[in-house]
N, C-alpha and C. Protein backbone atom coordinates (compact mmCIF):
# COMPACT_ATOMS: atom_id res chain seq x y z
N UNK A 1 0.82 -0.99 -0.08
CA UNK A 1 0.07 -0.09 -0.19
C UNK A 1 0.80 1.30 -0.13
N UNK A 2 2.06 1.13 0.81
CA UNK A 2 3.20 2.36 0.65
C UNK A 2 3.34 2.70 -0.63
N UNK A 3 3.53 1.68 -1.34
CA UNK A 3 4.23 2.04 -2.70
C UNK A 3 3.28 2.20 -3.48
N UNK A 4 2.06 1.89 -3.23
CA UNK A 4 0.78 2.12 -4.55
C UNK A 4 0.72 3.65 -3.89
N UNK A 5 0.60 4.37 -2.36
CA UNK A 5 0.22 5.75 -2.56
C UNK A 5 1.55 6.59 -2.96
N UNK A 6 2.68 6.29 -2.65
CA UNK A 6 4.03 6.79 -2.97
C UNK A 6 3.92 7.17 -4.27
N UNK A 7 3.73 5.93 -5.32
CA UNK A 7 3.97 6.37 -6.42
C UNK A 7 3.05 6.71 -7.31
N UNK A 8 1.74 6.36 -7.41
CA UNK A 8 0.51 6.58 -7.96
C UNK A 8 -0.22 7.67 -7.45
N UNK A 9 0.16 8.18 -6.04
CA UNK A 9 -0.72 9.62 -5.53
C UNK A 9 -2.15 9.72 -6.03
N UNK A 10 -2.97 8.81 -5.45
CA UNK A 10 -4.29 8.55 -6.17
C UNK A 10 -5.55 9.48 -5.51
N UNK A 11 -4.73 10.67 -4.66
CA UNK A 11 -5.43 11.86 -4.55
C UNK A 11 -5.38 12.75 -4.90
N UNK A 12 -6.09 13.53 -5.23
CA UNK A 12 -5.74 15.26 -6.08
C UNK A 12 -4.89 16.19 -5.48
N UNK A 13 -4.98 16.13 -3.66
CA UNK A 13 -4.48 17.22 -3.03
C UNK A 13 -3.21 16.60 -2.63
N UNK A 14 -2.03 17.34 -2.43
CA UNK A 14 -0.92 16.73 -2.65
C UNK A 14 -0.79 16.37 -1.16
N UNK A 15 -1.14 17.05 0.20
CA UNK A 15 -1.37 17.13 1.40
C UNK A 15 -1.61 15.78 1.95
N UNK A 16 -3.28 15.61 1.45
CA UNK A 16 -3.94 14.08 1.52
C UNK A 16 -3.06 12.83 1.19
N UNK A 17 -2.35 12.85 -0.33
CA UNK A 17 -1.44 11.91 -0.24
C UNK A 17 -0.29 11.90 0.73
N UNK A 18 0.24 12.97 1.29
CA UNK A 18 1.17 12.72 2.38
C UNK A 18 0.60 12.08 3.82
N UNK A 19 -0.27 12.84 3.99
CA UNK A 19 -1.08 11.98 5.03
C UNK A 19 -1.18 10.76 5.03
N UNK A 20 -1.63 9.96 3.84
CA UNK A 20 -1.83 8.62 3.68
C UNK A 20 -0.81 8.07 4.10
N UNK A 21 0.38 8.74 3.06
CA UNK A 21 1.34 7.61 3.34
C UNK A 21 2.04 7.55 4.74
N UNK A 22 1.96 8.84 5.23
CA UNK A 22 2.33 8.74 6.96
C UNK A 22 1.84 8.03 7.37
N UNK A 23 0.60 7.85 7.24
CA UNK A 23 -0.69 6.85 8.13
C UNK A 23 0.46 5.17 7.47
N UNK A 24 0.23 5.28 6.64
CA UNK A 24 0.58 3.69 5.99
C UNK A 24 2.10 3.21 6.84
N UNK A 25 2.55 4.38 7.03
CA UNK A 25 4.45 4.06 7.37
C UNK A 25 3.93 4.07 9.03
N UNK A 26 3.15 4.45 9.49
CA UNK A 26 3.03 4.53 11.12
C UNK A 26 2.21 3.01 11.13
N UNK A 27 1.21 2.89 10.20
CA UNK A 27 0.59 1.22 10.53
C UNK A 27 2.29 -0.16 10.27
N UNK A 28 2.87 0.29 9.21
CA UNK A 28 4.03 -0.69 9.05
C UNK A 28 4.72 -0.54 10.52
N UNK A 29 5.40 0.45 10.78
CA UNK A 29 5.87 0.67 11.89
C UNK A 29 5.21 -0.36 13.46
N UNK A 30 3.99 0.20 13.62
CA UNK A 30 3.21 -0.45 14.41
C UNK A 30 3.10 -1.81 14.64
N UNK A 31 2.94 -2.69 13.23
CA UNK A 31 2.93 -3.86 13.10
C UNK A 31 4.47 -4.46 13.27
N UNK A 32 5.59 -3.79 13.25
CA UNK A 32 7.07 -4.23 13.39
C UNK A 32 6.99 -4.37 15.13
N UNK A 33 6.27 -3.20 15.73
CA UNK A 33 6.81 -3.27 17.09
C UNK A 33 5.39 -4.52 17.72
N UNK A 34 4.74 -4.71 17.65
CA UNK A 34 3.45 -5.71 17.93
C UNK A 34 4.27 -6.86 17.82
N UNK A 35 5.15 -7.30 16.35
CA UNK A 35 5.66 -8.35 16.27
C UNK A 35 6.75 -8.68 17.21
N UNK A 36 7.15 -7.59 17.54
CA UNK A 36 8.50 -7.43 18.83
C UNK A 36 7.84 -7.81 20.08
N UNK A 37 6.88 -7.99 20.04
CA UNK A 37 6.36 -8.42 21.56
C UNK A 37 6.19 -9.86 21.62
N UNK A 38 6.47 -10.60 20.62
CA UNK A 38 6.55 -12.09 20.68
C UNK A 38 7.63 -12.82 21.03
N UNK A 39 8.16 -14.23 20.64
CA UNK A 39 9.34 -14.84 21.65
C UNK A 39 10.24 -14.59 20.38
N UNK A 40 10.34 -13.52 19.47
CA UNK A 40 11.47 -12.57 18.69
C UNK A 40 12.18 -12.25 19.54
N UNK A 41 11.87 -11.31 20.47
CA UNK A 41 12.57 -10.74 21.65
C UNK A 41 12.51 -11.56 23.20
N UNK A 42 13.43 -12.23 23.57
CA UNK A 42 13.24 -13.12 24.13
C UNK A 42 13.75 -12.54 25.79
N UNK A 43 14.39 -11.46 25.85
CA UNK A 43 14.19 -10.63 27.19
C UNK A 43 13.20 -9.90 27.43
N UNK A 44 12.89 -9.96 28.87
CA UNK A 44 11.66 -8.97 29.39
C UNK A 44 11.81 -7.47 29.20
N UNK A 45 12.97 -7.41 29.73
CA UNK A 45 13.33 -6.02 29.43
C UNK A 45 13.34 -5.38 28.12
N UNK A 46 13.70 -6.18 27.26
CA UNK A 46 13.94 -5.92 25.75
C UNK A 46 12.20 -5.75 25.17
N UNK A 47 11.33 -6.46 25.62
CA UNK A 47 10.03 -6.57 25.38
C UNK A 47 9.15 -5.07 25.99
N UNK A 48 9.69 -4.92 27.50
CA UNK A 48 9.41 -3.37 27.95
C UNK A 48 9.63 -2.53 27.06
N UNK A 49 11.46 -2.23 26.65
CA UNK A 49 11.53 -1.17 25.79
C UNK A 49 10.82 -1.05 24.61
N UNK A 50 10.24 -1.88 24.16
CA UNK A 50 9.69 -2.19 22.91
C UNK A 50 8.31 -1.81 23.09
N UNK A 51 7.62 -1.82 24.05
CA UNK A 51 6.71 -1.21 24.56
C UNK A 51 6.67 0.06 24.55
N UNK A 52 7.09 0.53 25.37
CA UNK A 52 7.52 1.93 25.64
C UNK A 52 7.82 2.85 24.19
N UNK A 53 8.72 1.92 23.21
CA UNK A 53 8.60 2.52 21.68
C UNK A 53 6.90 2.58 21.03
N UNK A 54 6.90 1.35 21.43
CA UNK A 54 4.93 1.20 21.13
C UNK A 54 4.36 2.68 21.19
N UNK A 55 4.16 3.04 22.47
CA UNK A 55 3.31 3.63 23.49
C UNK A 55 3.71 5.05 22.62
N UNK A 56 4.98 5.34 22.36
CA UNK A 56 5.42 6.30 21.92
C UNK A 56 5.02 6.67 20.50
N UNK A 57 5.16 6.07 19.55
CA UNK A 57 4.90 5.97 18.36
C UNK A 57 3.39 6.16 18.33
N UNK A 58 2.50 5.66 18.98
CA UNK A 58 1.04 5.80 18.95
C UNK A 58 0.71 7.22 19.53
N UNK A 59 1.49 7.49 20.56
CA UNK A 59 1.26 9.12 20.89
C UNK A 59 1.51 10.05 20.25
N UNK A 60 2.59 10.19 19.43
CA UNK A 60 3.11 10.94 18.93
C UNK A 60 2.09 10.86 17.19
N UNK A 61 1.34 9.82 17.13
CA UNK A 61 0.74 9.59 15.78
C UNK A 61 -0.63 10.25 15.97
N UNK A 62 -1.15 9.88 17.46
CA UNK A 62 -2.65 11.05 17.92
C UNK A 62 -1.89 12.04 18.12
N UNK A 63 -1.26 12.71 18.87
CA UNK A 63 -0.96 14.13 18.94
C UNK A 63 -0.86 15.07 17.24
N UNK A 64 -0.43 14.01 16.49
CA UNK A 64 -0.06 14.70 15.18
C UNK A 64 -1.83 14.76 14.57
N UNK A 65 -2.36 13.67 14.69
CA UNK A 65 -3.75 14.05 13.96
C UNK A 65 -4.54 14.78 14.56
N UNK A 66 -4.33 14.86 15.87
CA UNK A 66 -5.32 15.91 16.72
C UNK A 66 -5.05 16.95 16.52
N UNK A 67 -3.77 17.48 16.39
CA UNK A 67 -3.03 18.68 16.05
C UNK A 67 -3.73 19.27 14.58
N UNK A 68 -3.98 18.04 13.69
CA UNK A 68 -4.35 18.51 12.29
C UNK A 68 -5.90 18.63 12.13
N UNK A 69 -6.41 17.90 13.40
CA UNK A 69 -7.72 18.61 13.66
C UNK A 69 -8.37 19.64 14.02
N UNK A 70 -7.42 19.62 15.13
CA UNK A 70 -7.75 21.23 15.52
C UNK A 70 -7.36 22.49 14.97
N UNK A 71 -6.62 22.39 14.19
CA UNK A 71 -6.08 23.17 12.96
C UNK A 71 -7.05 23.68 12.46
N UNK A 72 -7.80 22.38 11.59
CA UNK A 72 -8.78 22.85 10.79
C UNK A 72 -9.62 23.38 11.65
N UNK A 73 -10.23 22.44 12.50
CA UNK A 73 -11.44 23.38 13.11
C UNK A 73 -11.31 24.86 13.78
N UNK A 74 -9.98 25.19 13.99
CA UNK A 74 -9.81 26.81 14.04
C UNK A 74 -9.72 27.48 13.32
N UNK A 75 -9.55 27.10 11.82
CA UNK A 75 -9.34 27.45 10.62
C UNK A 75 -10.81 27.54 10.21
N UNK A 76 -11.76 26.96 10.29
CA UNK A 76 -13.13 26.44 9.97
C UNK A 76 -13.72 27.72 10.73
N UNK A 77 -13.71 27.96 12.21
CA UNK A 77 -14.35 28.66 13.06
C UNK A 77 -13.91 29.93 12.60
N UNK A 78 -12.88 30.39 12.59
CA UNK A 78 -12.20 31.73 12.02
C UNK A 78 -13.37 32.37 10.89
N UNK A 79 -13.29 31.29 9.66
CA UNK A 79 -13.75 31.68 8.33
C UNK A 79 -15.52 31.67 8.80
N UNK A 80 -15.85 30.98 9.87
CA UNK A 80 -17.14 31.02 9.89
C UNK A 80 -17.56 32.41 10.55
N UNK A 81 -16.72 32.74 11.41
CA UNK A 81 -16.69 34.21 12.11
C UNK A 81 -16.58 35.42 11.41
N UNK A 82 -15.85 35.06 10.52
CA UNK A 82 -15.91 36.17 9.39
C UNK A 82 -17.07 36.56 8.61
N UNK A 83 -17.50 35.31 7.90
CA UNK A 83 -18.91 35.04 7.12
C UNK A 83 -19.61 35.59 7.97
N UNK A 84 -19.95 35.56 9.31
CA UNK A 84 -20.79 36.10 10.03
C UNK A 84 -20.77 37.89 10.37
N UNK A 85 -19.53 38.04 10.44
CA UNK A 85 -19.52 39.53 10.50
C UNK A 85 -19.81 40.24 9.64
N UNK A 86 -19.05 39.78 8.31
CA UNK A 86 -19.90 40.26 7.11
C UNK A 86 -21.53 40.20 6.71
N UNK A 87 -22.03 39.31 7.05
CA UNK A 87 -23.78 38.76 7.11
C UNK A 87 -24.36 40.19 7.94
N UNK A 88 -23.84 40.23 9.62
CA UNK A 88 -24.15 41.32 10.23
C UNK A 88 -24.01 42.64 9.88
N UNK A 89 -22.86 42.59 9.19
CA UNK A 89 -22.06 44.39 8.68
C UNK A 89 -23.69 44.42 7.16
N UNK A 90 -23.87 43.62 6.67
CA UNK A 90 -24.83 44.06 5.66
C UNK A 90 -26.15 44.00 6.23
N UNK A 91 -26.53 43.31 7.36
CA UNK A 91 -27.74 43.26 7.70
C UNK A 91 -28.11 44.88 8.59
N UNK A 92 -26.93 45.52 9.38
CA UNK A 92 -27.24 46.35 10.05
C UNK A 92 -27.39 47.67 8.56
N UNK A 93 -26.59 47.46 7.68
CA UNK A 93 -26.55 48.48 6.57
C UNK A 93 -28.31 48.52 6.38
N UNK A 94 -28.64 47.14 5.74
CA UNK A 94 -29.98 47.20 5.28
C UNK A 94 -31.00 47.75 6.28
N UNK A 95 -30.43 47.45 7.63
CA UNK A 95 -31.77 47.97 8.49
C UNK A 95 -31.63 49.68 8.67
N UNK A 96 -30.24 50.15 8.37
CA UNK A 96 -30.27 51.77 8.49
C UNK A 96 -31.29 52.00 7.10
N UNK A 97 -30.84 51.25 5.88
CA UNK A 97 -31.64 51.69 5.34
C UNK A 97 -32.71 51.79 4.68
N UNK A 98 -33.64 50.83 5.46
CA UNK A 98 -34.97 50.75 5.44
C UNK A 98 -35.38 51.78 6.64
N UNK A 99 -35.05 52.09 7.62
CA UNK A 99 -35.43 53.31 8.76
C UNK A 99 -34.85 54.55 8.10
N UNK A 100 -34.39 54.57 7.00
CA UNK A 100 -34.52 55.82 6.44
C UNK A 100 -35.30 55.71 5.29
N UNK A 101 -35.71 54.70 4.74
CA UNK A 101 -36.75 54.88 3.85
C UNK A 101 -38.20 54.75 4.58
N UNK A 102 -38.21 54.76 5.95
CA UNK A 102 -39.16 54.35 6.34
C UNK A 102 -39.77 55.92 6.89
N UNK A 103 -38.72 56.74 7.40
CA UNK A 103 -38.79 58.20 7.79
C UNK A 103 -39.13 59.16 6.94
N UNK A 104 -38.74 58.68 5.26
CA UNK A 104 -38.38 59.39 4.22
C UNK A 104 -40.30 59.18 4.09
N UNK A 105 -40.60 58.05 4.00
CA UNK A 105 -42.26 57.74 3.75
C UNK A 105 -43.09 58.23 4.31
N UNK A 106 -42.80 58.40 5.96
CA UNK A 106 -43.32 59.38 6.83
C UNK A 106 -43.56 60.73 6.29
N UNK A 107 -42.42 61.02 6.19
CA UNK A 107 -42.39 62.77 5.81
C UNK A 107 -43.38 63.05 4.86
N UNK A 108 -43.16 61.89 3.65
CA UNK A 108 -44.01 62.10 2.33
C UNK A 108 -45.60 61.90 2.65
N UNK A 109 -45.86 61.20 3.37
CA UNK A 109 -47.20 61.05 3.90
C UNK A 109 -47.63 62.21 4.73
N UNK A 110 -47.02 62.31 5.76
CA UNK A 110 -47.52 64.16 6.68
C UNK A 110 -47.73 64.94 5.57
N UNK A 111 -46.44 65.30 4.65
CA UNK A 111 -46.57 66.34 3.61
C UNK A 111 -48.25 66.30 2.62
N UNK A 112 -48.03 64.99 2.18
CA UNK A 112 -49.40 64.82 1.71
C UNK A 112 -50.51 65.25 2.63
N UNK A 113 -50.56 64.52 3.74
CA UNK A 113 -51.77 65.36 4.34
C UNK A 113 -52.13 66.20 4.38
N UNK A 114 -50.56 67.04 4.74
CA UNK A 114 -50.69 69.04 5.32
C UNK A 114 -51.53 69.26 3.84
N UNK A 115 -50.89 68.95 2.58
CA UNK A 115 -51.42 69.65 1.34
C UNK A 115 -52.80 69.31 0.95
N UNK A 116 -53.12 67.80 1.64
CA UNK A 116 -54.89 67.57 1.43
C UNK A 116 -55.56 68.42 2.44
N UNK A 117 -54.95 68.74 3.50
CA UNK A 117 -56.25 69.21 4.25
C UNK A 117 -56.23 70.84 3.76
N UNK A 118 -54.91 71.51 3.52
CA UNK A 118 -54.78 72.98 2.77
C UNK A 118 -55.96 72.80 1.62
N UNK A 119 -55.89 71.82 0.92
CA UNK A 119 -56.74 71.66 -0.34
C UNK A 119 -58.08 71.64 0.14
N UNK A 120 -58.57 71.17 0.91
CA UNK A 120 -59.98 70.88 1.39
C UNK A 120 -60.00 72.38 2.33
N UNK A 121 -59.27 72.91 3.04
CA UNK A 121 -59.73 74.24 3.86
C UNK A 121 -59.85 75.10 2.70
N UNK A 122 -59.11 75.15 1.78
CA UNK A 122 -59.45 76.18 0.69
C UNK A 122 -60.63 75.95 -0.20
N UNK A 123 -60.87 74.77 -0.41
CA UNK A 123 -62.33 74.51 -0.90
C UNK A 123 -63.59 75.21 -0.01
N UNK A 124 -63.69 75.19 1.21
CA UNK A 124 -64.72 75.64 2.07
C UNK A 124 -64.59 76.99 2.17
């Protein structure tokens, strides 16, 4: 699988290909560590040492992936925040424009009523 990912690069995104290649290498390394837990390593202290190496490998792997996930979540949250700020800005401008139009309409209606009253009072 490592050869396939390395040579063929099946994903369009280069970073995704690199992540997949790193995951495959971690899997291969972890299989090697697990194999060393058997009778291939006869000394118990050496098996303990291999176990600590395996735990370190898995911890590094988890920390890297958590960092990638948190980074993408932060970037998405910032993008959403900027989007919401733009929407709020446009809504505020629209409300101000609506308020101005409402005031203008009230003034026009008031002027119309005053002219109408003047016209009616002139007729009497």
